[in-house]
Amino acid sequence: MEREERNTNCLEGLRCPACASLGPYWIEVTTSIKYYDDGSDEVQGGEWEDESPATCCNCGFCGVVGDLQVEDQVEECKADLVSALQSTVDLLGLMSGRDPDPVVKGQIDKARVALERARRLLPEE
C-alpha cells in the first residue's frame, strides 16, 4: 500500500517549501488556559493564522504558516515554469536564425504550445 503524500488532518494543505516535508512543524499558536491562583486547569486548542511563525522540524526552514501552504507553492511553481518556458521559446527563436531547420522549428513549436498550456493553468491576475 502506498503512503499518502499529503496531510489529511490537522496539517492538511501544509508542506515545507524547502524540503517538501509533511511535518511535524513548530507553530506559534494562540491558546486559552483557565488559570487559578495555584495553577492552571483547562487548555483549549491552539489556533494559528497564516502569519503565525512556523519552523520545519525536518530541515529547520523558518517562516510563517502561509509559507507552508501547498496551493501557494503550486501557483509559484507554475509561474516559474511559465517564465522558464518563455525564456526557452525566446532562446530557441534566437538560435534558429531566419530559416530554422525542421527539427529546431519543431522544438520551437512544442515549446510555444507548452508555454500557452502553462499560461492557461495560472489564475488570472
PDB file of N, CA and C in Angstrom:
ATOM      1  N   MET A   1       0.846  -1.189   0.000  1.00  0.00           N
ATOM      2  CA  MET A   1       0.000   0.000   0.000  1.00  0.00           C
ATOM      3  C   MET A   1       0.889   1.249   0.000  1.00  0.00           C
ATOM      4  N   GLU A   2       0.583   2.215  -0.868  1.00  0.00           N
ATOM      5  CA  GLU A   2       1.384   3.427  -0.960  1.00  0.00           C
ATOM      6  C   GLU A   2       1.044   4.393   0.163  1.00  0.00           C
ATOM      7  N   ARG A   3       2.078   5.096   0.622  1.00  0.00           N
ATOM      8  CA  ARG A   3       1.910   6.111   1.657  1.00  0.00           C
ATOM      9  C   ARG A   3       1.299   7.367   1.043  1.00  0.00           C
ATOM     10  N   GLU A   4       0.380   7.971   1.743  1.00  0.00           N
ATOM     11  CA  GLU A   4      -0.247   9.213   1.289  1.00  0.00           C
ATOM     12  C   GLU A   4       0.799  10.320   1.245  1.00  0.00           C
ATOM     13  N   GLU A   5       0.850  11.081   0.174  1.00  0.00           N
ATOM     14  CA  GLU A   5       1.849  12.134   0.010  1.00  0.00           C
ATOM     15  C   GLU A   5       1.285  13.520   0.283  1.00  0.00           C
ATOM     16  N   ARG A   6       0.336  13.588   1.205  1.00  0.00           N
ATOM     17  CA  ARG A   6      -0.215  14.879   1.620  1.00  0.00           C
ATOM     18  C   ARG A   6      -0.807  14.702   3.006  1.00  0.00           C
ATOM     19  N   ASN A   7      -0.917  15.806   3.710  1.00  0.00           N
ATOM     20  CA  ASN A   7      -1.545  15.773   5.034  1.00  0.00           C
ATOM     21  C   ASN A   7      -3.056  15.788   4.867  1.00  0.00           C
ATOM     22  N   THR A   8      -3.748  15.044   5.712  1.00  0.00           N
ATOM     23  CA  THR A   8      -5.207  14.956   5.600  1.00  0.00           C
ATOM     24  C   THR A   8      -5.929  15.284   6.904  1.00  0.00           C
ATOM     25  N   ASN A   9      -5.179  15.760   7.913  1.00  0.00           N
ATOM     26  CA  ASN A   9      -5.813  16.053   9.196  1.00  0.00           C
ATOM     27  C   ASN A   9      -5.455  17.476   9.622  1.00  0.00           C
ATOM     28  N   CYS A  10      -4.842  17.638  10.768  1.00  0.00           N
ATOM     29  CA  CYS A  10      -4.541  18.970  11.314  1.00  0.00           C
ATOM     30  C   CYS A  10      -3.640  19.802  10.405  1.00  0.00           C
ATOM     31  N   LEU A  11      -2.751  19.147   9.671  1.00  0.00           N
ATOM     32  CA  LEU A  11      -1.795  19.857   8.815  1.00  0.00           C
ATOM     33  C   LEU A  11      -2.195  19.802   7.340  1.00  0.00           C
ATOM     34  N   GLU A  12      -3.468  19.544   7.069  1.00  0.00           N
ATOM     35  CA  GLU A  12      -3.933  19.454   5.685  1.00  0.00           C
ATOM     36  C   GLU A  12      -3.580  20.731   4.922  1.00  0.00           C
ATOM     37  N   GLY A  13      -3.017  20.545   3.739  1.00  0.00           N
ATOM     38  CA  GLY A  13      -2.650  21.671   2.894  1.00  0.00           C
ATOM     39  C   GLY A  13      -1.283  22.253   3.190  1.00  0.00           C
ATOM     40  N   LEU A  14      -0.542  21.657   4.150  1.00  0.00           N
ATOM     41  CA  LEU A  14       0.773  22.181   4.510  1.00  0.00           C
ATOM     42  C   LEU A  14       1.880  21.236   4.040  1.00  0.00           C
ATOM     43  N   ARG A  15       2.963  21.823   3.546  1.00  0.00           N
ATOM     44  CA  ARG A  15       4.163  21.095   3.142  1.00  0.00           C
ATOM     45  C   ARG A  15       5.319  22.095   3.179  1.00  0.00           C
ATOM     46  N   CYS A  16       6.468  21.677   3.689  1.00  0.00           N
ATOM     47  CA  CYS A  16       7.629  22.572   3.766  1.00  0.00           C
ATOM     48  C   CYS A  16       8.100  22.928   2.352  1.00  0.00           C
ATOM     49  N   PRO A  17       8.248  24.214   2.045  1.00  0.00           N
ATOM     50  CA  PRO A  17       8.693  24.609   0.711  1.00  0.00           C
ATOM     51  C   PRO A  17      10.179  24.330   0.476  1.00  0.00           C
ATOM     52  N   ALA A  18      10.941  24.108   1.543  1.00  0.00           N
ATOM     53  CA  ALA A  18      12.377  23.873   1.398  1.00  0.00           C
ATOM     54  C   ALA A  18      12.707  22.394   1.185  1.00  0.00           C
ATOM     55  N   CYS A  19      12.069  21.503   1.959  1.00  0.00           N
ATOM     56  CA  CYS A  19      12.428  20.076   1.884  1.00  0.00           C
ATOM     57  C   CYS A  19      11.245  19.174   1.525  1.00  0.00           C
ATOM     58  N   ALA A  20      10.058  19.745   1.350  1.00  0.00           N
ATOM     59  CA  ALA A  20       8.827  19.022   0.999  1.00  0.00           C
ATOM     60  C   ALA A  20       8.331  18.106   2.117  1.00  0.00           C
ATOM     61  N   SER A  21       8.821  18.306   3.338  1.00  0.00           N
ATOM     62  CA  SER A  21       8.362  17.512   4.476  1.00  0.00           C
ATOM     63  C   SER A  21       6.901  17.835   4.778  1.00  0.00           C
ATOM     64  N   LEU A  22       6.170  16.809   5.187  1.00  0.00           N
ATOM     65  CA  LEU A  22       4.773  16.981   5.587  1.00  0.00           C
ATOM     66  C   LEU A  22       4.652  17.290   7.078  1.00  0.00           C
ATOM     67  N   GLY A  23       5.776  17.460   7.743  1.00  0.00           N
ATOM     68  CA  GLY A  23       5.776  17.809   9.149  1.00  0.00           C
ATOM     69  C   GLY A  23       6.579  16.797   9.928  1.00  0.00           C
ATOM     70  N   PRO A  24       6.659  16.977  11.222  1.00  0.00           N
ATOM     71  CA  PRO A  24       5.964  17.978  12.024  1.00  0.00           C
ATOM     72  C   PRO A  24       6.597  19.359  11.902  1.00  0.00           C
ATOM     73  N   TYR A  25       5.856  20.351  12.390  1.00  0.00           N
ATOM     74  CA  TYR A  25       6.306  21.744  12.403  1.00  0.00           C
ATOM     75  C   TYR A  25       6.107  22.314  13.793  1.00  0.00           C
ATOM     76  N   TRP A  26       7.016  23.193  14.197  1.00  0.00           N
ATOM     77  CA  TRP A  26       6.787  24.018  15.377  1.00  0.00           C
ATOM     78  C   TRP A  26       5.996  25.212  14.879  1.00  0.00           C
ATOM     79  N   ILE A  27       4.814  25.441  15.445  1.00  0.00           N
ATOM     80  CA  ILE A  27       3.965  26.560  15.040  1.00  0.00           C
ATOM     81  C   ILE A  27       3.585  27.347  16.288  1.00  0.00           C
ATOM     82  N   GLU A  28       3.796  28.649  16.236  1.00  0.00           N
ATOM     83  CA  GLU A  28       3.410  29.512  17.349  1.00  0.00           C
ATOM     84  C   GLU A  28       1.897  29.686  17.293  1.00  0.00           C
ATOM     85  N   VAL A  29       1.221  29.277  18.356  1.00  0.00           N
ATOM     86  CA  VAL A  29      -0.243  29.304  18.373  1.00  0.00           C
ATOM     87  C   VAL A  29      -0.768  30.201  19.487  1.00  0.00           C
ATOM     88  N   THR A  30      -2.038  30.549  19.361  1.00  0.00           N
ATOM     89  CA  THR A  30      -2.755  31.250  20.417  1.00  0.00           C
ATOM     90  C   THR A  30      -3.667  30.221  21.066  1.00  0.00           C
ATOM     91  N   THR A  31      -3.646  30.180  22.376  1.00  0.00           N
ATOM     92  CA  THR A  31      -4.476  29.216  23.088  1.00  0.00           C
ATOM     93  C   THR A  31      -5.103  29.882  24.311  1.00  0.00           C
ATOM     94  N   SER A  32      -6.083  29.230  24.877  1.00  0.00           N
ATOM     95  CA  SER A  32      -6.720  29.715  26.105  1.00  0.00           C
ATOM     96  C   SER A  32      -6.494  28.701  27.212  1.00  0.00           C
ATOM     97  N   ILE A  33      -6.082  29.207  28.353  1.00  0.00           N
ATOM     98  CA  ILE A  33      -5.839  28.344  29.517  1.00  0.00           C
ATOM     99  C   ILE A  33      -6.588  28.938  30.702  1.00  0.00           C
ATOM    100  N   LYS A  34      -7.309  28.099  31.408  1.00  0.00           N
ATOM    101  CA  LYS A  34      -8.019  28.529  32.606  1.00  0.00           C
ATOM    102  C   LYS A  34      -7.037  28.497  33.773  1.00  0.00           C
ATOM    103  N   TYR A  35      -6.717  29.691  34.320  1.00  0.00           N
ATOM    104  CA  TYR A  35      -5.744  29.812  35.404  1.00  0.00           C
ATOM    105  C   TYR A  35      -6.434  30.070  36.747  1.00  0.00           C
ATOM    106  N   TYR A  36      -5.892  29.446  37.765  1.00  0.00           N
ATOM    107  CA  TYR A  36      -6.263  29.696  39.155  1.00  0.00           C
ATOM    108  C   TYR A  36      -5.014  30.226  39.858  1.00  0.00           C
ATOM    109  N   ASP A  37      -5.177  30.700  41.057  1.00  0.00           N
ATOM    110  CA  ASP A  37      -4.037  31.203  41.807  1.00  0.00           C
ATOM    111  C   ASP A  37      -2.987  30.108  42.024  1.00  0.00           C
ATOM    112  N   ASP A  38      -3.441  28.852  42.110  1.00  0.00           N
ATOM    113  CA  ASP A  38      -2.498  27.759  42.361  1.00  0.00           C
ATOM    114  C   ASP A  38      -2.129  26.970  41.091  1.00  0.00           C
ATOM    115  N   GLY A  39      -2.447  27.501  39.940  1.00  0.00           N
ATOM    116  CA  GLY A  39      -2.042  26.838  38.695  1.00  0.00           C
ATOM    117  C   GLY A  39      -3.110  26.886  37.629  1.00  0.00           C
ATOM    118  N   SER A  40      -2.951  26.055  36.630  1.00  0.00           N
ATOM    119  CA  SER A  40      -3.896  26.049  35.515  1.00  0.00           C
ATOM    120  C   SER A  40      -4.695  24.765  35.497  1.00  0.00           C
ATOM    121  N   ASP A  41      -5.786  24.804  34.769  1.00  0.00           N
ATOM    122  CA  ASP A  41      -6.688  23.661  34.727  1.00  0.00           C
ATOM    123  C   ASP A  41      -6.930  23.232  33.279  1.00  0.00           C
ATOM    124  N   GLU A  42      -7.790  23.913  32.597  1.00  0.00           N
ATOM    125  CA  GLU A  42      -8.188  23.527  31.246  1.00  0.00           C
ATOM    126  C   GLU A  42      -7.360  24.258  30.186  1.00  0.00           C
ATOM    127  N   VAL A  43      -7.004  23.510  29.167  1.00  0.00           N
ATOM    128  CA  VAL A  43      -6.349  24.106  27.998  1.00  0.00           C
ATOM    129  C   VAL A  43      -7.274  23.890  26.818  1.00  0.00           C
ATOM    130  N   GLN A  44      -7.568  24.964  26.117  1.00  0.00           N
ATOM    131  CA  GLN A  44      -8.419  24.862  24.932  1.00  0.00           C
ATOM    132  C   GLN A  44      -7.574  25.086  23.691  1.00  0.00           C
ATOM    133  N   GLY A  45      -7.688  24.182  22.733  1.00  0.00           N
ATOM    134  CA  GLY A  45      -6.990  24.163  21.453  1.00  0.00           C
ATOM    135  C   GLY A  45      -6.021  25.273  21.125  1.00  0.00           C
ATOM    136  N   GLY A  46      -5.184  25.014  20.194  1.00  0.00           N
ATOM    137  CA  GLY A  46      -4.247  26.011  19.690  1.00  0.00           C
ATOM    138  C   GLY A  46      -4.678  26.456  18.314  1.00  0.00           C
ATOM    139  N   GLU A  47      -4.774  27.737  18.126  1.00  0.00           N
ATOM    140  CA  GLU A  47      -5.181  28.295  16.836  1.00  0.00           C
ATOM    141  C   GLU A  47      -4.003  29.027  16.212  1.00  0.00           C
ATOM    142  N   TRP A  48      -3.866  28.914  14.898  1.00  0.00           N
ATOM    143  CA  TRP A  48      -2.830  29.672  14.202  1.00  0.00           C
ATOM    144  C   TRP A  48      -3.411  30.381  13.002  1.00  0.00           C
ATOM    145  N   GLU A  49      -2.702  31.380  12.553  1.00  0.00           N
ATOM    146  CA  GLU A  49      -3.071  32.175  11.376  1.00  0.00           C
ATOM    147  C   GLU A  49      -1.993  31.965  10.316  1.00  0.00           C
ATOM    148  N   ASP A  50      -2.238  32.439   9.106  1.00  0.00           N
ATOM    149  CA  ASP A  50      -1.221  32.358   8.054  1.00  0.00           C
ATOM    150  C   ASP A  50       0.065  33.078   8.442  1.00  0.00           C
ATOM    151  N   GLU A  51      -0.044  34.085   9.311  1.00  0.00           N
ATOM    152  CA  GLU A  51       1.122  34.876   9.724  1.00  0.00           C
ATOM    153  C   GLU A  51       1.835  34.298  10.947  1.00  0.00           C
ATOM    154  N   SER A  52       1.338  33.187  11.494  1.00  0.00           N
ATOM    155  CA  SER A  52       1.957  32.584  12.676  1.00  0.00           C
ATOM    156  C   SER A  52       3.328  32.008  12.328  1.00  0.00           C
ATOM    157  N   PRO A  53       4.351  32.313  13.147  1.00  0.00           N
ATOM    158  CA  PRO A  53       5.685  31.757  12.899  1.00  0.00           C
ATOM    159  C   PRO A  53       5.660  30.226  12.901  1.00  0.00           C
ATOM    160  N   ALA A  54       6.422  29.636  11.978  1.00  0.00           N
ATOM    161  CA  ALA A  54       6.471  28.179  11.859  1.00  0.00           C
ATOM    162  C   ALA A  54       7.883  27.742  11.481  1.00  0.00           C
ATOM    163  N   THR A  55       8.292  26.576  12.001  1.00  0.00           N
ATOM    164  CA  THR A  55       9.608  26.005  11.701  1.00  0.00           C
ATOM    165  C   THR A  55       9.438  24.540  11.356  1.00  0.00           C
ATOM    166  N   CYS A  56      10.053  24.112  10.268  1.00  0.00           N
ATOM    167  CA  CYS A  56      10.026  22.703   9.873  1.00  0.00           C
ATOM    168  C   CYS A  56      10.993  21.925  10.765  1.00  0.00           C
ATOM    169  N   CYS A  57      10.507  20.865  11.393  1.00  0.00           N
ATOM    170  CA  CYS A  57      11.349  20.046  12.267  1.00  0.00           C
ATOM    171  C   CYS A  57      12.318  19.176  11.471  1.00  0.00           C
ATOM    172  N   ASN A  58      12.065  18.995  10.181  1.00  0.00           N
ATOM    173  CA  ASN A  58      12.933  18.169   9.351  1.00  0.00           C
ATOM    174  C   ASN A  58      14.183  18.919   8.885  1.00  0.00           C
ATOM    175  N   CYS A  59      14.005  20.147   8.369  1.00  0.00           N
ATOM    176  CA  CYS A  59      15.148  20.862   7.784  1.00  0.00           C
ATOM    177  C   CYS A  59      15.465  22.184   8.468  1.00  0.00           C
ATOM    178  N   GLY A  60      14.581  22.639   9.370  1.00  0.00           N
ATOM    179  CA  GLY A  60      14.832  23.894  10.067  1.00  0.00           C
ATOM    180  C   GLY A  60      14.343  25.124   9.327  1.00  0.00           C
ATOM    181  N   PHE A  61      13.654  24.955   8.183  1.00  0.00           N
ATOM    182  CA  PHE A  61      13.101  26.110   7.469  1.00  0.00           C
ATOM    183  C   PHE A  61      12.265  26.925   8.438  1.00  0.00           C
ATOM    184  N   CYS A  62      12.499  28.239   8.450  1.00  0.00           N
ATOM    185  CA  CYS A  62      11.738  29.146   9.303  1.00  0.00           C
ATOM    186  C   CYS A  62      10.955  30.110   8.427  1.00  0.00           C
ATOM    187  N   GLY A  63       9.708  30.267   8.734  1.00  0.00           N
ATOM    188  CA  GLY A  63       8.857  31.199   8.008  1.00  0.00           C
ATOM    189  C   GLY A  63       7.574  31.378   8.779  1.00  0.00           C
ATOM    190  N   VAL A  64       6.485  31.480   8.038  1.00  0.00           N
ATOM    191  CA  VAL A  64       5.163  31.558   8.645  1.00  0.00           C
ATOM    192  C   VAL A  64       4.303  30.454   8.041  1.00  0.00           C
ATOM    193  N   VAL A  65       3.189  30.150   8.686  1.00  0.00           N
ATOM    194  CA  VAL A  65       2.319  29.070   8.222  1.00  0.00           C
ATOM    195  C   VAL A  65       1.934  29.274   6.753  1.00  0.00           C
ATOM    196  N   GLY A  66       1.707  30.514   6.357  1.00  0.00           N
ATOM    197  CA  GLY A  66       1.352  30.787   4.962  1.00  0.00           C
ATOM    198  C   GLY A  66       2.398  30.293   3.980  1.00  0.00           C
ATOM    199  N   ASP A  67       3.670  30.259   4.396  1.00  0.00           N
ATOM    200  CA  ASP A  67       4.729  29.744   3.522  1.00  0.00           C
ATOM    201  C   ASP A  67       4.600  28.249   3.292  1.00  0.00           C
ATOM    202  N   LEU A  68       3.902  27.566   4.199  1.00  0.00           N
ATOM    203  CA  LEU A  68       3.750  26.111   4.107  1.00  0.00           C
ATOM    204  C   LEU A  68       2.545  25.697   3.271  1.00  0.00           C
ATOM    205  N   GLN A  69       1.751  26.661   2.812  1.00  0.00           N
ATOM    206  CA  GLN A  69       0.536  26.350   2.052  1.00  0.00           C
ATOM    207  C   GLN A  69       0.888  25.756   0.693  1.00  0.00           C
ATOM    208  N   VAL A  70       0.465  24.519   0.446  1.00  0.00           N
ATOM    209  CA  VAL A  70       0.770  23.812  -0.797  1.00  0.00           C
ATOM    210  C   VAL A  70       0.229  24.573  -2.006  1.00  0.00           C
ATOM    211  N   GLU A  71      -0.996  25.075  -1.931  1.00  0.00           N
ATOM    212  CA  GLU A  71      -1.588  25.777  -3.080  1.00  0.00           C
ATOM    213  C   GLU A  71      -0.737  26.964  -3.505  1.00  0.00           C
ATOM    214  N   ASP A  72      -0.242  27.737  -2.527  1.00  0.00           N
ATOM    215  CA  ASP A  72       0.617  28.874  -2.856  1.00  0.00           C
ATOM    216  C   ASP A  72       1.899  28.407  -3.523  1.00  0.00           C
ATOM    217  N   GLN A  73       2.462  27.291  -3.044  1.00  0.00           N
ATOM    218  CA  GLN A  73       3.685  26.757  -3.621  1.00  0.00           C
ATOM    219  C   GLN A  73       3.447  26.305  -5.056  1.00  0.00           C
ATOM    220  N   VAL A  74       2.299  25.679  -5.317  1.00  0.00           N
ATOM    221  CA  VAL A  74       1.977  25.210  -6.662  1.00  0.00           C
ATOM    222  C   VAL A  74       1.854  26.398  -7.611  1.00  0.00           C
ATOM    223  N   GLU A  75       1.169  27.432  -7.188  1.00  0.00           N
ATOM    224  CA  GLU A  75       0.999  28.604  -8.051  1.00  0.00           C
ATOM    225  C   GLU A  75       2.334  29.283  -8.341  1.00  0.00           C
ATOM    226  N   GLU A  76       3.197  29.358  -7.330  1.00  0.00           N
ATOM    227  CA  GLU A  76       4.521  29.953  -7.536  1.00  0.00           C
ATOM    228  C   GLU A  76       5.339  29.107  -8.507  1.00  0.00           C
ATOM    229  N   CYS A  77       5.240  27.793  -8.382  1.00  0.00           N
ATOM    230  CA  CYS A  77       5.958  26.878  -9.266  1.00  0.00           C
ATOM    231  C   CYS A  77       5.455  27.020 -10.703  1.00  0.00           C
ATOM    232  N   LYS A  78       4.141  27.127 -10.864  1.00  0.00           N
ATOM    233  CA  LYS A  78       3.577  27.312 -12.209  1.00  0.00           C
ATOM    234  C   LYS A  78       4.093  28.601 -12.837  1.00  0.00           C
ATOM    235  N   ALA A  79       4.135  29.668 -12.060  1.00  0.00           N
ATOM    236  CA  ALA A  79       4.633  30.947 -12.575  1.00  0.00           C
ATOM    237  C   ALA A  79       6.103  30.830 -12.985  1.00  0.00           C
ATOM    238  N   ASP A  80       6.905  30.125 -12.188  1.00  0.00           N
ATOM    239  CA  ASP A  80       8.315  29.916 -12.533  1.00  0.00           C
ATOM    240  C   ASP A  80       8.449  29.112 -13.820  1.00  0.00           C
ATOM    241  N   LEU A  81       7.597  28.086 -13.983  1.00  0.00           N
ATOM    242  CA  LEU A  81       7.641  27.276 -15.197  1.00  0.00           C
ATOM    243  C   LEU A  81       7.270  28.095 -16.433  1.00  0.00           C
ATOM    244  N   VAL A  82       6.272  28.939 -16.303  1.00  0.00           N
ATOM    245  CA  VAL A  82       5.887  29.791 -17.429  1.00  0.00           C
ATOM    246  C   VAL A  82       7.044  30.705 -17.812  1.00  0.00           C
ATOM    247  N   SER A  83       7.696  31.263 -16.819  1.00  0.00           N
ATOM    248  CA  SER A  83       8.838  32.138 -17.080  1.00  0.00           C
ATOM    249  C   SER A  83       9.962  31.372 -17.772  1.00  0.00           C
ATOM    250  N   ALA A  84      10.249  30.160 -17.299  1.00  0.00           N
ATOM    251  CA  ALA A  84      11.300  29.343 -17.913  1.00  0.00           C
ATOM    252  C   ALA A  84      10.939  28.954 -19.339  1.00  0.00           C
ATOM    253  N   LEU A  85       9.675  28.601 -19.555  1.00  0.00           N
ATOM    254  CA  LEU A  85       9.244  28.258 -20.909  1.00  0.00           C
ATOM    255  C   LEU A  85       9.358  29.458 -21.847  1.00  0.00           C
ATOM    256  N   GLN A  86       9.002  30.636 -21.363  1.00  0.00           N
ATOM    257  CA  GLN A  86       9.108  31.841 -22.178  1.00  0.00           C
ATOM    258  C   GLN A  86      10.566  32.087 -22.561  1.00  0.00           C
ATOM    259  N   SER A  87      11.464  31.925 -21.615  1.00  0.00           N
ATOM    260  CA  SER A  87      12.889  32.092 -21.893  1.00  0.00           C
ATOM    261  C   SER A  87      13.365  31.068 -22.919  1.00  0.00           C
ATOM    262  N   THR A  88      12.877  29.832 -22.809  1.00  0.00           N
ATOM    263  CA  THR A  88      13.256  28.782 -23.760  1.00  0.00           C
ATOM    264  C   THR A  88      12.771  29.117 -25.164  1.00  0.00           C
ATOM    265  N   VAL A  89      11.514  29.549 -25.269  1.00  0.00           N
ATOM    266  CA  VAL A  89      10.974  29.938 -26.575  1.00  0.00           C
ATOM    267  C   VAL A  89      11.797  31.072 -27.163  1.00  0.00           C
ATOM    268  N   ASP A  90      12.103  32.075 -26.357  1.00  0.00           N
ATOM    269  CA  ASP A  90      12.904  33.210 -26.834  1.00  0.00           C
ATOM    270  C   ASP A  90      14.280  32.752 -27.298  1.00  0.00           C
ATOM    271  N   LEU A  91      14.925  31.901 -26.495  1.00  0.00           N
ATOM    272  CA  LEU A  91      16.264  31.434 -26.825  1.00  0.00           C
ATOM    273  C   LEU A  91      16.263  30.588 -28.090  1.00  0.00           C
ATOM    274  N   LEU A  92      15.294  29.674 -28.205  1.00  0.00           N
ATOM    275  CA  LEU A  92      15.208  28.854 -29.416  1.00  0.00           C
ATOM    276  C   LEU A  92      14.982  29.722 -30.654  1.00  0.00           C
ATOM    277  N   GLY A  93      14.165  30.753 -30.482  1.00  0.00           N
ATOM    278  CA  GLY A  93      13.929  31.663 -31.604  1.00  0.00           C
ATOM    279  C   GLY A  93      15.200  32.373 -32.034  1.00  0.00           C
ATOM    280  N   LEU A  94      16.009  32.813 -31.072  1.00  0.00           N
ATOM    281  CA  LEU A  94      17.271  33.480 -31.388  1.00  0.00           C
ATOM    282  C   LEU A  94      18.265  32.524 -32.029  1.00  0.00           C
ATOM    283  N   MET A  95      18.293  31.285 -31.553  1.00  0.00           N
ATOM    284  CA  MET A  95      19.240  30.300 -32.061  1.00  0.00           C
ATOM    285  C   MET A  95      18.879  29.823 -33.463  1.00  0.00           C
ATOM    286  N   SER A  96      17.624  29.899 -33.808  1.00  0.00           N
ATOM    287  CA  SER A  96      17.182  29.313 -35.070  1.00  0.00           C
ATOM    288  C   SER A  96      17.522  30.168 -36.285  1.00  0.00           C
ATOM    289  N   GLY A  97      17.812  31.451 -36.070  1.00  0.00           N
ATOM    290  CA  GLY A  97      18.120  32.307 -37.216  1.00  0.00           C
ATOM    291  C   GLY A  97      16.873  32.560 -38.048  1.00  0.00           C
ATOM    292  N   ARG A  98      17.079  33.011 -39.257  1.00  0.00           N
ATOM    293  CA  ARG A  98      15.948  33.364 -40.130  1.00  0.00           C
ATOM    294  C   ARG A  98      15.237  32.146 -40.706  1.00  0.00           C
ATOM    295  N   ASP A  99      15.963  31.096 -40.986  1.00  0.00           N
ATOM    296  CA  ASP A  99      15.372  29.925 -41.636  1.00  0.00           C
ATOM    297  C   ASP A  99      15.765  28.670 -40.856  1.00  0.00           C
ATOM    298  N   PRO A 100      15.048  28.376 -39.739  1.00  0.00           N
ATOM    299  CA  PRO A 100      15.448  27.237 -38.912  1.00  0.00           C
ATOM    300  C   PRO A 100      15.225  25.910 -39.627  1.00  0.00           C
ATOM    301  N   ASP A 101      16.059  24.949 -39.297  1.00  0.00           N
ATOM    302  CA  ASP A 101      15.827  23.622 -39.877  1.00  0.00           C
ATOM    303  C   ASP A 101      14.572  23.038 -39.245  1.00  0.00           C
ATOM    304  N   PRO A 102      13.968  22.036 -39.858  1.00  0.00           N
ATOM    305  CA  PRO A 102      12.687  21.494 -39.384  1.00  0.00           C
ATOM    306  C   PRO A 102      12.719  20.980 -37.936  1.00  0.00           C
ATOM    307  N   VAL A 103      13.845  20.420 -37.498  1.00  0.00           N
ATOM    308  CA  VAL A 103      13.928  19.905 -36.128  1.00  0.00           C
ATOM    309  C   VAL A 103      13.850  21.057 -35.134  1.00  0.00           C
ATOM    310  N   VAL A 104      14.619  22.122 -35.361  1.00  0.00           N
ATOM    311  CA  VAL A 104      14.600  23.281 -34.470  1.00  0.00           C
ATOM    312  C   VAL A 104      13.228  23.930 -34.490  1.00  0.00           C
ATOM    313  N   LYS A 105      12.645  24.065 -35.688  1.00  0.00           N
ATOM    314  CA  LYS A 105      11.302  24.666 -35.790  1.00  0.00           C
ATOM    315  C   LYS A 105      10.292  23.834 -35.006  1.00  0.00           C
ATOM    316  N   GLY A 106      10.404  22.523 -35.077  1.00  0.00           N
ATOM    317  CA  GLY A 106       9.506  21.641 -34.320  1.00  0.00           C
ATOM    318  C   GLY A 106       9.657  21.844 -32.821  1.00  0.00           C
ATOM    319  N   GLN A 107      10.891  22.003 -32.349  1.00  0.00           N
ATOM    320  CA  GLN A 107      11.136  22.232 -30.931  1.00  0.00           C
ATOM    321  C   GLN A 107      10.569  23.580 -30.483  1.00  0.00           C
ATOM    322  N   ILE A 108      10.720  24.589 -31.333  1.00  0.00           N
ATOM    323  CA  ILE A 108      10.161  25.911 -31.024  1.00  0.00           C
ATOM    324  C   ILE A 108       8.645  25.817 -30.910  1.00  0.00           C
ATOM    325  N   ASP A 109       8.015  25.131 -31.860  1.00  0.00           N
ATOM    326  CA  ASP A 109       6.558  24.978 -31.837  1.00  0.00           C
ATOM    327  C   ASP A 109       6.093  24.233 -30.586  1.00  0.00           C
ATOM    328  N   LYS A 110       6.805  23.162 -30.194  1.00  0.00           N
ATOM    329  CA  LYS A 110       6.451  22.416 -28.986  1.00  0.00           C
ATOM    330  C   LYS A 110       6.574  23.300 -27.747  1.00  0.00           C
ATOM    331  N   ALA A 111       7.650  24.083 -27.687  1.00  0.00           N
ATOM    332  CA  ALA A 111       7.858  24.973 -26.533  1.00  0.00           C
ATOM    333  C   ALA A 111       6.756  26.024 -26.468  1.00  0.00           C
ATOM    334  N   ARG A 112       6.343  26.552 -27.613  1.00  0.00           N
ATOM    335  CA  ARG A 112       5.262  27.551 -27.627  1.00  0.00           C
ATOM    336  C   ARG A 112       3.945  26.953 -27.147  1.00  0.00           C
ATOM    337  N   VAL A 113       3.643  25.734 -27.587  1.00  0.00           N
ATOM    338  CA  VAL A 113       2.412  25.060 -27.153  1.00  0.00           C
ATOM    339  C   VAL A 113       2.458  24.820 -25.645  1.00  0.00           C
ATOM    340  N   ALA A 114       3.597  24.355 -25.138  1.00  0.00           N
ATOM    341  CA  ALA A 114       3.741  24.125 -23.694  1.00  0.00           C
ATOM    342  C   ALA A 114       3.585  25.422 -22.918  1.00  0.00           C
ATOM    343  N   LEU A 115       4.143  26.499 -23.458  1.00  0.00           N
ATOM    344  CA  LEU A 115       4.038  27.801 -22.812  1.00  0.00           C
ATOM    345  C   LEU A 115       2.585  28.248 -22.728  1.00  0.00           C
ATOM    346  N   GLU A 116       1.842  28.112 -23.781  1.00  0.00           N
ATOM    347  CA  GLU A 116       0.426  28.512 -23.775  1.00  0.00           C
ATOM    348  C   GLU A 116      -0.389  27.646 -22.813  1.00  0.00           C
ATOM    349  N   ARG A 117      -0.113  26.343 -22.775  1.00  0.00           N
ATOM    350  CA  ARG A 117      -0.825  25.464 -21.836  1.00  0.00           C
ATOM    351  C   ARG A 117      -0.533  25.871 -20.398  1.00  0.00           C
ATOM    352  N   ALA A 118       0.728  26.170 -20.106  1.00  0.00           N
ATOM    353  CA  ALA A 118       1.109  26.568 -18.751  1.00  0.00           C
ATOM    354  C   ALA A 118       0.447  27.884 -18.368  1.00  0.00           C
ATOM    355  N   ARG A 119       0.372  28.822 -19.308  1.00  0.00           N
ATOM    356  CA  ARG A 119      -0.279  30.111 -19.022  1.00  0.00           C
ATOM    357  C   ARG A 119      -1.754  29.930 -18.692  1.00  0.00           C
ATOM    358  N   ARG A 120      -2.413  28.983 -19.361  1.00  0.00           N
ATOM    359  CA  ARG A 120      -3.836  28.741 -19.080  1.00  0.00           C
ATOM    360  C   ARG A 120      -4.048  28.158 -17.689  1.00  0.00           C
ATOM    361  N   LEU A 121      -3.033  27.484 -17.140  1.00  0.00           N
ATOM    362  CA  LEU A 121      -3.153  26.905 -15.802  1.00  0.00           C
ATOM    363  C   LEU A 121      -3.050  27.941 -14.705  1.00  0.00           C
ATOM    364  N   LEU A 122      -2.385  29.060 -14.995  1.00  0.00           N
ATOM    365  CA  LEU A 122      -2.213  30.097 -13.981  1.00  0.00           C
ATOM    366  C   LEU A 122      -3.509  30.876 -13.791  1.00  0.00           C
ATOM    367  N   PRO A 123      -3.800  31.264 -12.558  1.00  0.00           N
ATOM    368  CA  PRO A 123      -5.010  32.057 -12.333  1.00  0.00           C
ATOM    369  C   PRO A 123      -4.837  33.451 -12.936  1.00  0.00           C
ATOM    370  N   GLU A 124      -5.957  34.031 -13.334  1.00  0.00           N
ATOM    371  CA  GLU A 124      -5.940  35.387 -13.883  1.00  0.00           C
ATOM    372  C   GLU A 124      -5.583  36.356 -12.769  1.00  0.00           C
ATOM    373  N   GLU A 125      -4.771  37.348 -13.094  1.00  0.00           N
ATOM    374  CA  GLU A 125      -4.406  38.343 -12.082  1.00  0.00           C
ATOM    375  C   GLU A 125      -5.143  39.636 -12.312  1.00  0.00           C
TER     376      GLU A 125
END
